[in-house]
Amino acid sequence: MSRRLIFAIVFIVIGVVAIVAAAASSGSAVSYIKSHYRKDGTDGGAQVYFSPKSVSQTVQDISNAESPGDRRTTESGVFLRYQNNMIGVLINRPSGSRVEVADQRTGYNHFYTYLGGFWGTYSGPAGAFRGGGPGAGK
């Protein structure tokens, strides 16, 4: 075998290993939450977890695991929107954060008191649909 062919094979193998490692390290936000935080029951159809970290650090960790399609910050906490899930990271007194995970249907109703009609149907990252009011559409 020629030296060029050996180098080409080595580079291809390195490339394949890098792609496989990147795919294995990227996970979903929900998987990250389930593996890193303590489950604390359910509330109104949402799965509830406890994070010992602050809201901002918990949101950063979850967002690093999977980038949200949209994010909304309120006085109560931070809400992350994904294709199939809504995640609320709320202030948990006296310490840490309360992480609530719900699917789209349950999440819309569950988080409505925090978000109002801010999120309608999911249309991808930074979806433009924000609900509507009277006369908003035909």
N, C-alpha and C. Protein backbone atom coordinates (compact mmCIF):
# COMPACT_ATOMS: atom_id res chain seq x y z
N MET A 1 0.84 -1.18 0.00
CA MET A 1 0.00 0.00 0.00
C MET A 1 0.87 1.23 0.00
N SER A 2 0.44 2.20 -0.76
CA SER A 2 1.21 3.43 -0.81
C SER A 2 0.98 4.26 0.44
N ARG A 3 1.92 5.14 0.69
CA ARG A 3 1.84 6.01 1.85
C ARG A 3 0.63 6.93 1.76
N ARG A 4 0.29 7.41 0.59
CA ARG A 4 -0.88 8.28 0.40
C ARG A 4 -2.17 7.57 0.77
N LEU A 5 -2.29 6.33 0.34
CA LEU A 5 -3.49 5.56 0.65
C LEU A 5 -3.62 5.33 2.15
N ILE A 6 -2.52 5.03 2.83
CA ILE A 6 -2.55 4.83 4.28
C ILE A 6 -3.00 6.12 4.97
N PHE A 7 -2.44 7.27 4.58
CA PHE A 7 -2.85 8.55 5.17
C PHE A 7 -4.32 8.84 4.90
N ALA A 8 -4.79 8.53 3.71
CA ALA A 8 -6.20 8.76 3.38
C ALA A 8 -7.10 7.90 4.26
N ILE A 9 -6.76 6.64 4.45
CA ILE A 9 -7.55 5.75 5.29
C ILE A 9 -7.55 6.24 6.74
N VAL A 10 -6.38 6.66 7.23
CA VAL A 10 -6.28 7.16 8.61
C VAL A 10 -7.17 8.39 8.78
N PHE A 11 -7.14 9.32 7.85
CA PHE A 11 -7.96 10.54 7.95
C PHE A 11 -9.45 10.22 7.86
N ILE A 12 -9.81 9.26 7.04
CA ILE A 12 -11.23 8.86 6.95
C ILE A 12 -11.68 8.24 8.26
N VAL A 13 -10.86 7.38 8.84
CA VAL A 13 -11.20 6.75 10.12
C VAL A 13 -11.33 7.82 11.21
N ILE A 14 -10.42 8.76 11.27
CA ILE A 14 -10.48 9.84 12.25
C ILE A 14 -11.76 10.66 12.06
N GLY A 15 -12.11 10.94 10.82
CA GLY A 15 -13.34 11.69 10.53
C GLY A 15 -14.59 10.95 10.99
N VAL A 16 -14.64 9.66 10.71
CA VAL A 16 -15.80 8.85 11.12
C VAL A 16 -15.89 8.81 12.65
N VAL A 17 -14.77 8.63 13.32
CA VAL A 17 -14.77 8.60 14.79
C VAL A 17 -15.25 9.94 15.35
N ALA A 18 -14.81 11.03 14.76
CA ALA A 18 -15.23 12.36 15.22
C ALA A 18 -16.72 12.56 15.04
N ILE A 19 -17.26 12.12 13.93
CA ILE A 19 -18.70 12.26 13.67
C ILE A 19 -19.51 11.41 14.66
N VAL A 20 -19.07 10.19 14.89
CA VAL A 20 -19.76 9.31 15.83
C VAL A 20 -19.70 9.89 17.25
N ALA A 21 -18.55 10.41 17.64
CA ALA A 21 -18.41 11.00 18.98
C ALA A 21 -19.30 12.23 19.13
N ALA A 22 -19.39 13.06 18.11
CA ALA A 22 -20.25 14.24 18.16
C ALA A 22 -21.71 13.84 18.27
N ALA A 23 -22.11 12.84 17.52
CA ALA A 23 -23.51 12.38 17.56
C ALA A 23 -23.83 11.77 18.92
N ALA A 24 -22.89 11.05 19.49
CA ALA A 24 -23.13 10.41 20.79
C ALA A 24 -23.19 11.43 21.91
N SER A 25 -22.45 12.53 21.79
CA SER A 25 -22.43 13.52 22.86
C SER A 25 -23.63 14.47 22.80
N SER A 26 -24.26 14.58 21.64
CA SER A 26 -25.43 15.45 21.57
C SER A 26 -26.66 14.66 21.98
N GLY A 27 -27.37 15.19 22.93
CA GLY A 27 -28.56 14.50 23.42
C GLY A 27 -29.70 15.48 23.47
N SER A 28 -30.79 15.00 23.97
CA SER A 28 -31.94 15.90 24.08
C SER A 28 -31.93 16.55 25.45
N ALA A 29 -32.62 17.66 25.54
CA ALA A 29 -32.74 18.38 26.80
C ALA A 29 -33.43 17.51 27.84
N VAL A 30 -34.46 16.79 27.43
CA VAL A 30 -35.21 15.95 28.36
C VAL A 30 -34.31 14.82 28.89
N SER A 31 -33.52 14.22 28.03
CA SER A 31 -32.59 13.17 28.47
C SER A 31 -31.59 13.73 29.47
N TYR A 32 -31.11 14.94 29.19
CA TYR A 32 -30.17 15.58 30.10
C TYR A 32 -30.82 15.80 31.47
N ILE A 33 -32.02 16.31 31.48
CA ILE A 33 -32.73 16.58 32.73
C ILE A 33 -32.92 15.28 33.51
N LYS A 34 -33.36 14.24 32.83
CA LYS A 34 -33.61 12.96 33.50
C LYS A 34 -32.35 12.37 34.11
N SER A 35 -31.21 12.59 33.48
CA SER A 35 -29.97 11.99 33.97
C SER A 35 -29.21 12.88 34.96
N HIS A 36 -29.55 14.18 35.05
CA HIS A 36 -28.78 15.07 35.91
C HIS A 36 -29.54 15.64 37.10
N TYR A 37 -30.85 15.55 37.10
CA TYR A 37 -31.63 16.15 38.17
C TYR A 37 -32.51 15.10 38.85
N ARG A 38 -32.85 15.38 40.09
CA ARG A 38 -33.66 14.46 40.88
C ARG A 38 -35.13 14.65 40.56
N LYS A 39 -35.81 13.55 40.23
CA LYS A 39 -37.24 13.62 39.93
C LYS A 39 -38.00 13.90 41.22
N ASP A 40 -38.97 14.80 41.11
CA ASP A 40 -39.69 15.25 42.29
C ASP A 40 -41.20 15.11 42.11
N GLY A 41 -41.64 14.20 41.22
CA GLY A 41 -43.06 13.95 41.03
C GLY A 41 -43.61 14.59 39.77
N THR A 42 -44.92 14.85 39.80
CA THR A 42 -45.60 15.48 38.67
C THR A 42 -46.46 16.62 39.18
N ASP A 43 -46.80 17.51 38.28
CA ASP A 43 -47.67 18.64 38.61
C ASP A 43 -48.46 19.02 37.36
N GLY A 44 -49.75 18.77 37.37
CA GLY A 44 -50.59 19.15 36.24
C GLY A 44 -50.16 18.54 34.92
N GLY A 45 -49.65 17.32 34.94
CA GLY A 45 -49.23 16.65 33.72
C GLY A 45 -47.76 16.87 33.37
N ALA A 46 -47.09 17.77 34.07
CA ALA A 46 -45.66 18.02 33.83
C ALA A 46 -44.83 17.17 34.78
N GLN A 47 -43.72 16.66 34.30
CA GLN A 47 -42.76 15.96 35.14
C GLN A 47 -41.94 17.02 35.87
N VAL A 48 -41.75 16.86 37.17
CA VAL A 48 -41.04 17.86 37.97
C VAL A 48 -39.72 17.29 38.46
N TYR A 49 -38.65 18.07 38.29
CA TYR A 49 -37.32 17.70 38.72
C TYR A 49 -36.75 18.82 39.58
N PHE A 50 -35.74 18.50 40.39
CA PHE A 50 -35.09 19.50 41.22
C PHE A 50 -33.63 19.62 40.80
N SER A 51 -33.18 20.87 40.60
CA SER A 51 -31.78 21.16 40.32
C SER A 51 -31.22 21.95 41.50
N PRO A 52 -30.07 21.58 42.01
CA PRO A 52 -29.48 22.35 43.11
C PRO A 52 -28.87 23.68 42.65
N LYS A 53 -28.80 23.88 41.33
CA LYS A 53 -28.19 25.09 40.77
C LYS A 53 -29.22 26.20 40.59
N SER A 54 -28.73 27.40 40.37
CA SER A 54 -29.60 28.55 40.13
C SER A 54 -30.37 28.37 38.83
N VAL A 55 -31.40 29.17 38.66
CA VAL A 55 -32.19 29.12 37.42
C VAL A 55 -31.29 29.36 36.21
N SER A 56 -30.47 30.41 36.27
CA SER A 56 -29.64 30.75 35.10
C SER A 56 -28.65 29.64 34.76
N GLN A 57 -28.02 29.02 35.78
CA GLN A 57 -27.06 27.95 35.51
C GLN A 57 -27.77 26.70 35.01
N THR A 58 -28.94 26.39 35.57
CA THR A 58 -29.71 25.23 35.12
C THR A 58 -30.14 25.40 33.67
N VAL A 59 -30.62 26.59 33.33
CA VAL A 59 -31.03 26.86 31.94
C VAL A 59 -29.83 26.73 31.01
N GLN A 60 -28.69 27.24 31.42
CA GLN A 60 -27.48 27.14 30.59
C GLN A 60 -27.11 25.68 30.35
N ASP A 61 -27.15 24.87 31.40
CA ASP A 61 -26.80 23.46 31.27
C ASP A 61 -27.77 22.73 30.33
N ILE A 62 -29.06 22.98 30.48
CA ILE A 62 -30.06 22.34 29.63
C ILE A 62 -29.90 22.80 28.18
N SER A 63 -29.67 24.10 27.98
CA SER A 63 -29.50 24.65 26.63
C SER A 63 -28.23 24.12 25.96
N ASN A 64 -27.20 23.85 26.75
CA ASN A 64 -25.98 23.26 26.19
C ASN A 64 -26.22 21.83 25.72
N ALA A 65 -27.12 21.12 26.41
CA ALA A 65 -27.44 19.75 26.01
C ALA A 65 -28.22 19.74 24.70
N GLU A 66 -29.15 20.69 24.55
CA GLU A 66 -29.92 20.84 23.31
C GLU A 66 -30.38 22.29 23.22
N SER A 67 -30.04 22.91 22.13
CA SER A 67 -30.41 24.31 21.95
C SER A 67 -31.93 24.44 21.76
N PRO A 68 -32.57 25.32 22.55
CA PRO A 68 -34.03 25.46 22.41
C PRO A 68 -34.41 26.21 21.15
N GLY A 69 -35.62 25.94 20.65
CA GLY A 69 -36.14 26.66 19.50
C GLY A 69 -36.55 28.06 19.88
N ASP A 70 -36.93 28.26 21.14
CA ASP A 70 -37.34 29.57 21.62
C ASP A 70 -37.15 29.60 23.13
N ARG A 71 -37.06 30.80 23.66
CA ARG A 71 -36.84 30.98 25.09
C ARG A 71 -37.63 32.20 25.54
N ARG A 72 -38.22 32.10 26.71
CA ARG A 72 -38.98 33.21 27.27
C ARG A 72 -38.60 33.35 28.73
N THR A 73 -38.20 34.55 29.14
CA THR A 73 -37.83 34.81 30.52
C THR A 73 -38.90 35.68 31.17
N THR A 74 -39.37 35.25 32.33
CA THR A 74 -40.35 36.01 33.09
C THR A 74 -39.82 36.17 34.52
N GLU A 75 -40.57 36.86 35.35
CA GLU A 75 -40.17 37.02 36.75
C GLU A 75 -40.16 35.68 37.49
N SER A 76 -40.95 34.74 37.02
CA SER A 76 -41.05 33.44 37.68
C SER A 76 -39.95 32.47 37.30
N GLY A 77 -39.39 32.64 36.11
CA GLY A 77 -38.36 31.73 35.65
C GLY A 77 -38.13 31.84 34.16
N VAL A 78 -37.50 30.82 33.61
CA VAL A 78 -37.15 30.78 32.19
C VAL A 78 -37.84 29.57 31.56
N PHE A 79 -38.40 29.78 30.38
CA PHE A 79 -39.15 28.74 29.69
C PHE A 79 -38.48 28.47 28.35
N LEU A 80 -38.22 27.18 28.10
CA LEU A 80 -37.53 26.75 26.89
C LEU A 80 -38.51 25.94 26.04
N ARG A 81 -38.46 26.21 24.76
CA ARG A 81 -39.38 25.53 23.85
C ARG A 81 -38.60 24.65 22.88
N TYR A 82 -39.02 23.42 22.79
CA TYR A 82 -38.43 22.46 21.87
C TYR A 82 -39.53 21.92 20.96
N GLN A 83 -39.14 21.18 19.95
CA GLN A 83 -40.11 20.68 18.98
C GLN A 83 -41.22 19.88 19.65
N ASN A 84 -40.88 19.05 20.61
CA ASN A 84 -41.89 18.19 21.23
C ASN A 84 -42.14 18.48 22.70
N ASN A 85 -41.39 19.40 23.29
CA ASN A 85 -41.49 19.65 24.72
C ASN A 85 -41.39 21.12 25.06
N MET A 86 -41.95 21.45 26.21
CA MET A 86 -41.76 22.76 26.82
C MET A 86 -41.14 22.50 28.20
N ILE A 87 -40.16 23.29 28.55
CA ILE A 87 -39.46 23.13 29.82
C ILE A 87 -39.49 24.45 30.56
N GLY A 88 -39.93 24.41 31.79
CA GLY A 88 -39.93 25.60 32.64
C GLY A 88 -38.91 25.40 33.74
N VAL A 89 -38.02 26.39 33.92
CA VAL A 89 -37.05 26.36 35.01
C VAL A 89 -37.44 27.50 35.94
N LEU A 90 -37.98 27.13 37.09
CA LEU A 90 -38.56 28.10 38.01
C LEU A 90 -37.71 28.24 39.27
N ILE A 91 -37.81 29.39 39.90
CA ILE A 91 -37.12 29.62 41.15
C ILE A 91 -37.72 28.69 42.20
N ASN A 92 -36.86 27.99 42.92
CA ASN A 92 -37.30 27.07 43.97
C ASN A 92 -36.78 27.61 45.30
N ARG A 93 -37.67 28.09 46.12
CA ARG A 93 -37.25 28.64 47.42
C ARG A 93 -37.06 27.51 48.41
N PRO A 94 -36.07 27.47 49.23
CA PRO A 94 -35.09 28.50 49.47
C PRO A 94 -33.86 28.42 48.57
N SER A 95 -33.71 27.32 47.81
CA SER A 95 -32.52 27.22 46.95
C SER A 95 -32.81 26.36 45.73
N GLY A 96 -31.93 26.46 44.76
CA GLY A 96 -32.03 25.62 43.57
C GLY A 96 -33.12 26.04 42.61
N SER A 97 -33.47 25.11 41.73
CA SER A 97 -34.46 25.37 40.68
C SER A 97 -35.41 24.20 40.56
N ARG A 98 -36.63 24.52 40.19
CA ARG A 98 -37.66 23.52 39.91
C ARG A 98 -37.75 23.44 38.39
N VAL A 99 -37.52 22.26 37.85
CA VAL A 99 -37.54 22.05 36.40
C VAL A 99 -38.79 21.27 36.05
N GLU A 100 -39.65 21.86 35.23
CA GLU A 100 -40.89 21.21 34.83
C GLU A 100 -40.83 20.89 33.34
N VAL A 101 -41.12 19.65 32.99
CA VAL A 101 -41.04 19.17 31.61
C VAL A 101 -42.42 18.69 31.18
N ALA A 102 -42.91 19.22 30.07
CA ALA A 102 -44.22 18.82 29.55
C ALA A 102 -44.14 18.70 28.03
N ASP A 103 -44.99 17.83 27.47
CA ASP A 103 -45.07 17.77 26.01
C ASP A 103 -45.82 19.02 25.53
N GLN A 104 -45.89 19.18 24.21
CA GLN A 104 -46.49 20.40 23.64
C GLN A 104 -47.92 20.63 24.11
N ARG A 105 -48.75 19.62 24.02
CA ARG A 105 -50.17 19.78 24.36
C ARG A 105 -50.35 20.10 25.84
N THR A 106 -49.73 19.30 26.69
CA THR A 106 -49.83 19.53 28.13
C THR A 106 -49.14 20.84 28.52
N GLY A 107 -48.00 21.10 27.90
CA GLY A 107 -47.22 22.29 28.24
C GLY A 107 -47.92 23.60 27.95
N TYR A 108 -48.66 23.65 26.86
CA TYR A 108 -49.36 24.90 26.54
C TYR A 108 -50.31 25.27 27.67
N ASN A 109 -51.09 24.30 28.14
CA ASN A 109 -52.02 24.56 29.25
C ASN A 109 -51.28 24.74 30.58
N HIS A 110 -50.28 23.91 30.81
CA HIS A 110 -49.57 23.94 32.08
C HIS A 110 -48.83 25.28 32.30
N PHE A 111 -48.19 25.78 31.26
CA PHE A 111 -47.39 27.00 31.40
C PHE A 111 -48.16 28.27 31.03
N TYR A 112 -49.44 28.14 30.73
CA TYR A 112 -50.22 29.29 30.27
C TYR A 112 -50.21 30.43 31.30
N THR A 113 -50.24 30.11 32.58
CA THR A 113 -50.25 31.17 33.60
C THR A 113 -48.97 31.99 33.58
N TYR A 114 -47.87 31.41 33.10
CA TYR A 114 -46.61 32.13 33.01
C TYR A 114 -46.43 32.82 31.67
N LEU A 115 -46.93 32.18 30.61
CA LEU A 115 -46.64 32.63 29.25
C LEU A 115 -47.82 33.24 28.52
N GLY A 116 -49.02 33.06 29.04
CA GLY A 116 -50.19 33.52 28.30
C GLY A 116 -50.24 32.81 26.96
N GLY A 117 -50.59 33.51 25.92
CA GLY A 117 -50.63 32.91 24.59
C GLY A 117 -49.36 33.15 23.80
N PHE A 118 -48.25 33.40 24.50
CA PHE A 118 -46.99 33.74 23.83
C PHE A 118 -46.57 32.68 22.82
N TRP A 119 -46.70 31.40 23.17
CA TRP A 119 -46.31 30.33 22.26
C TRP A 119 -47.55 29.69 21.68
N GLY A 120 -47.60 29.64 20.37
CA GLY A 120 -48.66 28.92 19.67
C GLY A 120 -48.09 27.60 19.20
N THR A 121 -48.27 27.29 17.94
CA THR A 121 -47.73 26.04 17.41
C THR A 121 -46.25 26.20 17.13
N TYR A 122 -45.51 25.11 17.22
CA TYR A 122 -44.07 25.13 17.01
C TYR A 122 -43.76 25.24 15.52
N SER A 123 -42.94 26.22 15.16
CA SER A 123 -42.57 26.37 13.76
C SER A 123 -41.06 26.43 13.60
N GLY A 124 -40.32 25.82 14.50
CA GLY A 124 -38.88 25.77 14.40
C GLY A 124 -38.21 26.81 15.25
N PRO A 125 -36.88 26.87 15.21
CA PRO A 125 -36.16 27.85 15.99
C PRO A 125 -36.66 29.26 15.73
N ALA A 126 -36.88 29.98 16.81
CA ALA A 126 -37.36 31.37 16.76
C ALA A 126 -38.63 31.49 15.92
N GLY A 127 -39.54 30.56 16.13
CA GLY A 127 -40.82 30.58 15.41
C GLY A 127 -41.50 31.92 15.57
N ALA A 128 -42.08 32.40 14.51
CA ALA A 128 -42.67 33.73 14.51
C ALA A 128 -44.07 33.77 15.10
N PHE A 129 -44.76 32.63 15.17
CA PHE A 129 -46.13 32.64 15.65
C PHE A 129 -46.16 32.88 17.16
N ARG A 130 -46.86 33.90 17.59
CA ARG A 130 -46.95 34.24 19.00
C ARG A 130 -48.39 34.27 19.48
N GLY A 131 -49.24 33.56 18.81
CA GLY A 131 -50.65 33.61 19.18
C GLY A 131 -51.32 34.76 18.45
N GLY A 132 -52.46 35.12 18.83
CA GLY A 132 -53.15 36.21 18.16
C GLY A 132 -54.33 36.64 18.97
N GLY A 133 -54.97 37.61 18.51
CA GLY A 133 -56.14 38.11 19.20
C GLY A 133 -57.25 38.29 18.20
N PRO A 134 -58.30 38.99 18.60
CA PRO A 134 -59.41 39.23 17.69
C PRO A 134 -58.93 39.92 16.41
N GLY A 135 -59.35 39.40 15.31
CA GLY A 135 -58.97 39.99 14.02
C GLY A 135 -57.56 39.70 13.59
N ALA A 136 -56.87 38.76 14.28
CA ALA A 136 -55.48 38.47 13.95
C ALA A 136 -55.33 37.70 12.67
N GLY A 137 -56.33 37.01 12.23
CA GLY A 137 -56.21 36.21 11.02
C GLY A 137 -57.56 36.03 10.37
N LYS A 138 -57.56 35.44 9.20
CA LYS A 138 -58.81 35.21 8.49
C LYS A 138 -59.03 33.74 8.29
